[in-house]
Amino acid sequence: MSSGPLRRLVVLRHAKSARPEGVPDHRRPLAPRGLRDAPAAGRALAEADLLPDLALCSTAVRARQTWQLASAEWGTPPPVRHEPRLYAADVSTLLAVVRETPPEVETLLVVGHNPGLEDLVLTLAGDGLDDTLDRLRAKFPTSAIAALAWHATGWPALAPGVALLTWFRVPRGGDRA
């Protein structure tokens, strides 16, 4: 087992997107439900004390809008890097991007897409608290947030099975539960 400071990787699947006719996938905006759910995701992250030191966000419009609305719920949002490699990324690409995180970052937020994010969490999680892993395996819907933690000397040490899934939520805005 690696020693070092506690590192946290928080992944946020973009909020519900619209499917306007003739709009390419990369340019799809959030749907009305997504516009309500993204701020709820930001509030949930703040309430869980999972605010990041750095955010990496897909360049897709729906991911950028999710980031903007979620981070607007915080006093001072952290720096964000819009990363083209996160769009439609598989586990190996996501892991490569995350491993490039500067060593001073203790909590990293990745805003992106499925199935890559779900697969990444399931690959990294050696175990989960309570029933978090079972709930995540059942469904990782839009606006889902998963938090992983592990002790490591740096981000390059992140490897399959080394993290603990500590938190999983699907925040919803408006009148829905």
C-alpha atoms as a PDB file:
ATOM      1  CA  MET A   1       0.000   0.000   0.000  1.00  0.00           C
ATOM      2  CA  SER A   2       1.292   3.469  -0.867  1.00  0.00           C
ATOM      3  CA  SER A   3       1.883   6.033   1.815  1.00  0.00           C
ATOM      4  CA  GLY A   4       1.535   9.757   1.522  1.00  0.00           C
ATOM      5  CA  PRO A   5      -1.193  12.361   1.844  1.00  0.00           C
ATOM      6  CA  LEU A   6      -4.826  11.536   1.259  1.00  0.00           C
ATOM      7  CA  ARG A   7      -5.768  12.112  -2.375  1.00  0.00           C
ATOM      8  CA  ARG A   8      -9.351  12.417  -3.542  1.00  0.00           C
ATOM      9  CA  LEU A   9     -10.677  11.998  -7.058  1.00  0.00           C
ATOM     10  CA  VAL A  10     -14.220  13.253  -7.521  1.00  0.00           C
ATOM     11  CA  VAL A  11     -16.005  12.469 -10.768  1.00  0.00           C
ATOM     12  CA  LEU A  12     -19.134  14.264 -11.919  1.00  0.00           C
ATOM     13  CA  ARG A  13     -21.089  13.006 -14.880  1.00  0.00           C
ATOM     14  CA  HIS A  14     -22.522  15.957 -16.811  1.00  0.00           C
ATOM     15  CA  ALA A  15     -26.139  16.861 -16.099  1.00  0.00           C
ATOM     16  CA  LYS A  16     -28.996  15.807 -18.392  1.00  0.00           C
ATOM     17  CA  SER A  17     -28.482  17.099 -21.913  1.00  0.00           C
ATOM     18  CA  ALA A  18     -30.898  18.081 -24.634  1.00  0.00           C
ATOM     19  CA  ARG A  19     -30.899  16.487 -28.078  1.00  0.00           C
ATOM     20  CA  PRO A  20     -31.722  19.343 -30.461  1.00  0.00           C
ATOM     21  CA  GLU A  21     -32.110  18.257 -34.049  1.00  0.00           C
ATOM     22  CA  GLY A  22     -29.078  18.955 -36.214  1.00  0.00           C
ATOM     23  CA  VAL A  23     -26.772  19.747 -33.278  1.00  0.00           C
ATOM     24  CA  PRO A  24     -23.580  17.656 -33.177  1.00  0.00           C
ATOM     25  CA  ASP A  25     -23.052  15.602 -30.003  1.00  0.00           C
ATOM     26  CA  HIS A  26     -20.159  17.758 -28.783  1.00  0.00           C
ATOM     27  CA  ARG A  27     -22.362  20.883 -28.938  1.00  0.00           C
ATOM     28  CA  ARG A  28     -25.439  19.496 -27.178  1.00  0.00           C
ATOM     29  CA  PRO A  29     -26.538  21.816 -24.341  1.00  0.00           C
ATOM     30  CA  LEU A  30     -28.149  20.926 -21.040  1.00  0.00           C
ATOM     31  CA  ALA A  31     -31.844  20.140 -20.983  1.00  0.00           C
ATOM     32  CA  PRO A  32     -34.127  21.970 -18.513  1.00  0.00           C
ATOM     33  CA  ARG A  33     -33.661  19.109 -16.018  1.00  0.00           C
ATOM     34  CA  GLY A  34     -29.885  19.425 -16.397  1.00  0.00           C
ATOM     35  CA  LEU A  35     -30.082  23.161 -15.752  1.00  0.00           C
ATOM     36  CA  ARG A  36     -31.776  22.340 -12.425  1.00  0.00           C
ATOM     37  CA  ASP A  37     -29.579  19.372 -11.486  1.00  0.00           C
ATOM     38  CA  ALA A  38     -26.139  20.904 -12.119  1.00  0.00           C
ATOM     39  CA  PRO A  39     -26.453  23.540  -9.332  1.00  0.00           C
ATOM     40  CA  ALA A  40     -27.745  20.786  -7.014  1.00  0.00           C
ATOM     41  CA  ALA A  41     -24.551  18.846  -7.776  1.00  0.00           C
ATOM     42  CA  GLY A  42     -22.484  21.882  -6.806  1.00  0.00           C
ATOM     43  CA  ARG A  43     -24.387  22.223  -3.531  1.00  0.00           C
ATOM     44  CA  ALA A  44     -23.967  18.506  -2.801  1.00  0.00           C
ATOM     45  CA  LEU A  45     -20.201  18.738  -3.317  1.00  0.00           C
ATOM     46  CA  ALA A  46     -19.985  21.723  -0.964  1.00  0.00           C
ATOM     47  CA  GLU A  47     -22.128  20.041   1.704  1.00  0.00           C
ATOM     48  CA  ALA A  48     -19.966  16.889   1.516  1.00  0.00           C
ATOM     49  CA  ASP A  49     -16.760  18.942   1.807  1.00  0.00           C
ATOM     50  CA  LEU A  50     -15.591  17.670  -1.572  1.00  0.00           C
ATOM     51  CA  LEU A  51     -14.622  20.957  -3.182  1.00  0.00           C
ATOM     52  CA  PRO A  52     -11.653  20.443  -5.490  1.00  0.00           C
ATOM     53  CA  ASP A  53      -8.291  22.152  -5.693  1.00  0.00           C
ATOM     54  CA  LEU A  54      -8.453  21.760  -9.480  1.00  0.00           C
ATOM     55  CA  ALA A  55     -11.141  20.757 -11.971  1.00  0.00           C
ATOM     56  CA  LEU A  56     -10.704  19.056 -15.315  1.00  0.00           C
ATOM     57  CA  CYS A  57     -13.694  19.442 -17.594  1.00  0.00           C
ATOM     58  CA  SER A  58     -14.585  17.948 -20.954  1.00  0.00           C
ATOM     59  CA  THR A  59     -14.853  20.475 -23.752  1.00  0.00           C
ATOM     60  CA  ALA A  60     -18.377  19.310 -24.650  1.00  0.00           C
ATOM     61  CA  VAL A  61     -20.969  22.051 -24.135  1.00  0.00           C
ATOM     62  CA  ARG A  62     -23.059  19.987 -21.688  1.00  0.00           C
ATOM     63  CA  ALA A  63     -20.015  19.289 -19.501  1.00  0.00           C
ATOM     64  CA  ARG A  64     -18.894  22.933 -19.552  1.00  0.00           C
ATOM     65  CA  GLN A  65     -22.397  24.079 -18.595  1.00  0.00           C
ATOM     66  CA  THR A  66     -22.504  21.510 -15.781  1.00  0.00           C
ATOM     67  CA  TRP A  67     -19.182  22.829 -14.466  1.00  0.00           C
ATOM     68  CA  GLN A  68     -20.293  26.462 -14.698  1.00  0.00           C
ATOM     69  CA  LEU A  69     -23.567  25.872 -12.863  1.00  0.00           C
ATOM     70  CA  ALA A  70     -22.108  23.550 -10.220  1.00  0.00           C
ATOM     71  CA  SER A  71     -19.094  25.737  -9.422  1.00  0.00           C
ATOM     72  CA  ALA A  72     -21.294  28.862  -9.246  1.00  0.00           C
ATOM     73  CA  GLU A  73     -22.616  27.372  -5.990  1.00  0.00           C
ATOM     74  CA  TRP A  74     -19.218  27.804  -4.307  1.00  0.00           C
ATOM     75  CA  GLY A  75     -17.664  30.964  -2.905  1.00  0.00           C
ATOM     76  CA  THR A  76     -14.522  30.807  -4.985  1.00  0.00           C
ATOM     77  CA  PRO A  77     -14.344  28.101  -7.646  1.00  0.00           C
ATOM     78  CA  PRO A  78     -10.962  26.435  -8.161  1.00  0.00           C
ATOM     79  CA  PRO A  79      -9.029  26.684 -11.402  1.00  0.00           C
ATOM     80  CA  VAL A  80     -10.520  24.670 -14.257  1.00  0.00           C
ATOM     81  CA  ARG A  81      -8.787  23.168 -17.256  1.00  0.00           C
ATOM     82  CA  HIS A  82     -10.979  22.311 -20.230  1.00  0.00           C
ATOM     83  CA  GLU A  83      -9.471  19.069 -21.461  1.00  0.00           C
ATOM     84  CA  PRO A  84     -10.390  17.806 -24.968  1.00  0.00           C
ATOM     85  CA  ARG A  85      -9.179  14.287 -24.137  1.00  0.00           C
ATOM     86  CA  LEU A  86     -12.024  13.861 -21.629  1.00  0.00           C
ATOM     87  CA  TYR A  87     -14.685  13.878 -24.347  1.00  0.00           C
ATOM     88  CA  ALA A  88     -15.723  10.268 -25.069  1.00  0.00           C
ATOM     89  CA  ALA A  89     -12.668   9.041 -23.135  1.00  0.00           C
ATOM     90  CA  ASP A  90     -12.116   5.450 -22.102  1.00  0.00           C
ATOM     91  CA  VAL A  91     -10.540   4.362 -18.816  1.00  0.00           C
ATOM     92  CA  SER A  92      -6.952   4.373 -20.075  1.00  0.00           C
ATOM     93  CA  THR A  93      -7.294   7.927 -21.420  1.00  0.00           C
ATOM     94  CA  LEU A  94      -9.021   9.168 -18.260  1.00  0.00           C
ATOM     95  CA  LEU A  95      -6.367   7.575 -16.080  1.00  0.00           C
ATOM     96  CA  ALA A  96      -3.574   9.102 -18.169  1.00  0.00           C
ATOM     97  CA  VAL A  97      -5.124  12.589 -17.832  1.00  0.00           C
ATOM     98  CA  VAL A  98      -5.663  12.203 -14.071  1.00  0.00           C
ATOM     99  CA  ARG A  99      -2.080  11.001 -13.546  1.00  0.00           C
ATOM    100  CA  GLU A 100      -0.853  14.330 -15.017  1.00  0.00           C
ATOM    101  CA  THR A 101      -2.358  16.222 -12.053  1.00  0.00           C
ATOM    102  CA  PRO A 102       0.154  18.474 -10.283  1.00  0.00           C
ATOM    103  CA  PRO A 103       1.431  17.032  -6.989  1.00  0.00           C
ATOM    104  CA  GLU A 104       0.091  19.919  -4.891  1.00  0.00           C
ATOM    105  CA  VAL A 105      -3.514  19.012  -5.829  1.00  0.00           C
ATOM    106  CA  GLU A 106      -5.109  16.877  -3.132  1.00  0.00           C
ATOM    107  CA  THR A 107      -8.681  16.859  -4.469  1.00  0.00           C
ATOM    108  CA  LEU A 108      -9.320  16.691  -8.209  1.00  0.00           C
ATOM    109  CA  LEU A 109     -12.726  16.982  -9.870  1.00  0.00           C
ATOM    110  CA  VAL A 110     -13.288  15.487 -13.322  1.00  0.00           C
ATOM    111  CA  VAL A 111     -16.436  16.528 -15.209  1.00  0.00           C
ATOM    112  CA  GLY A 112     -17.117  14.228 -18.110  1.00  0.00           C
ATOM    113  CA  HIS A 113     -19.138  11.471 -19.700  1.00  0.00           C
ATOM    114  CA  ASN A 114     -20.268   7.901 -19.450  1.00  0.00           C
ATOM    115  CA  PRO A 115     -19.437   5.134 -19.895  1.00  0.00           C
ATOM    116  CA  GLY A 116     -15.855   6.290 -19.249  1.00  0.00           C
ATOM    117  CA  LEU A 117     -16.418   7.871 -15.830  1.00  0.00           C
ATOM    118  CA  GLU A 118     -18.363   4.930 -14.453  1.00  0.00           C
ATOM    119  CA  ASP A 119     -15.760   2.500 -15.785  1.00  0.00           C
ATOM    120  CA  LEU A 120     -12.965   4.603 -14.255  1.00  0.00           C
ATOM    121  CA  VAL A 121     -14.559   4.578 -10.804  1.00  0.00           C
ATOM    122  CA  LEU A 122     -15.213   0.837 -10.951  1.00  0.00           C
ATOM    123  CA  THR A 123     -11.633   0.217 -12.111  1.00  0.00           C
ATOM    124  CA  LEU A 124     -10.067   2.312  -9.338  1.00  0.00           C
ATOM    125  CA  ALA A 125     -12.324   1.267  -6.459  1.00  0.00           C
ATOM    126  CA  GLY A 126     -10.904  -1.685  -4.587  1.00  0.00           C
ATOM    127  CA  ASP A 127     -13.786  -1.334  -2.136  1.00  0.00           C
ATOM    128  CA  GLY A 128     -16.550   1.024  -1.104  1.00  0.00           C
ATOM    129  CA  LEU A 129     -18.044   2.329   2.113  1.00  0.00           C
ATOM    130  CA  ASP A 130     -21.463   0.931   2.984  1.00  0.00           C
ATOM    131  CA  ASP A 131     -23.365   0.085  -0.198  1.00  0.00           C
ATOM    132  CA  THR A 132     -21.770   2.783  -2.387  1.00  0.00           C
ATOM    133  CA  LEU A 133     -20.165   0.358  -4.833  1.00  0.00           C
ATOM    134  CA  ASP A 134     -23.358  -1.652  -5.297  1.00  0.00           C
ATOM    135  CA  ARG A 135     -25.416   1.499  -5.890  1.00  0.00           C
ATOM    136  CA  LEU A 136     -22.897   2.804  -8.415  1.00  0.00           C
ATOM    137  CA  ARG A 137     -22.811  -0.523 -10.270  1.00  0.00           C
ATOM    138  CA  ALA A 138     -26.610  -0.432 -10.514  1.00  0.00           C
ATOM    139  CA  LYS A 139     -26.711   2.972 -12.195  1.00  0.00           C
ATOM    140  CA  PHE A 140     -24.463   5.994 -12.824  1.00  0.00           C
ATOM    141  CA  PRO A 141     -26.994   8.484 -14.229  1.00  0.00           C
ATOM    142  CA  THR A 142     -26.530  12.063 -15.347  1.00  0.00           C
ATOM    143  CA  SER A 143     -25.393  14.368 -12.499  1.00  0.00           C
ATOM    144  CA  ALA A 144     -24.020  11.372 -10.570  1.00  0.00           C
ATOM    145  CA  ILE A 145     -21.030  12.133  -8.346  1.00  0.00           C
ATOM    146  CA  ALA A 146     -18.549   9.585  -7.023  1.00  0.00           C
ATOM    147  CA  ALA A 147     -15.644  10.296  -4.682  1.00  0.00           C
ATOM    148  CA  LEU A 148     -12.618   8.038  -4.328  1.00  0.00           C
ATOM    149  CA  ALA A 149      -9.852   8.356  -1.748  1.00  0.00           C
ATOM    150  CA  TRP A 150      -6.430   6.773  -1.272  1.00  0.00           C
ATOM    151  CA  HIS A 151      -3.042   7.563   0.215  1.00  0.00           C
ATOM    152  CA  ALA A 152      -0.323   8.151  -2.361  1.00  0.00           C
ATOM    153  CA  THR A 153       2.834  10.107  -2.893  1.00  0.00           C
ATOM    154  CA  GLY A 154       1.429  11.525  -6.101  1.00  0.00           C
ATOM    155  CA  TRP A 155      -1.150  11.174  -8.844  1.00  0.00           C
ATOM    156  CA  PRO A 156       1.024   8.951 -11.059  1.00  0.00           C
ATOM    157  CA  ALA A 157       0.654   6.245  -8.379  1.00  0.00           C
ATOM    158  CA  LEU A 158      -3.087   5.958  -9.030  1.00  0.00           C
ATOM    159  CA  ALA A 159      -3.754   2.397 -10.176  1.00  0.00           C
ATOM    160  CA  PRO A 160      -6.645  -0.036 -10.510  1.00  0.00           C
ATOM    161  CA  GLY A 161      -8.054  -1.218  -7.210  1.00  0.00           C
ATOM    162  CA  VAL A 162      -6.113   1.172  -4.937  1.00  0.00           C
ATOM    163  CA  ALA A 163      -8.920   3.570  -4.018  1.00  0.00           C
ATOM    164  CA  LEU A 164     -11.880   3.432  -1.667  1.00  0.00           C
ATOM    165  CA  LEU A 165     -15.220   4.666  -2.986  1.00  0.00           C
ATOM    166  CA  THR A 166     -16.197   6.951  -0.119  1.00  0.00           C
ATOM    167  CA  TRP A 167     -19.229   8.774  -1.481  1.00  0.00           C
ATOM    168  CA  PHE A 168     -21.820   8.399  -4.228  1.00  0.00           C
ATOM    169  CA  ARG A 169     -24.799  10.689  -4.853  1.00  0.00           C
ATOM    170  CA  VAL A 170     -27.167  11.670  -7.625  1.00  0.00           C
ATOM    171  CA  PRO A 171     -28.243  15.218  -6.737  1.00  0.00           C
ATOM    172  CA  ARG A 172     -31.443  16.507  -8.250  1.00  0.00           C
ATOM    173  CA  GLY A 173     -32.698  20.074  -8.434  1.00  0.00           C
ATOM    174  CA  GLY A 174     -36.238  21.377  -8.252  1.00  0.00           C
ATOM    175  CA  ASP A 175     -39.038  19.509  -6.522  1.00  0.00           C
ATOM    176  CA  ARG A 176     -37.736  16.018  -7.210  1.00  0.00           C
ATOM    177  CA  ALA A 177     -36.035  13.902  -4.572  1.00  0.00           C
END
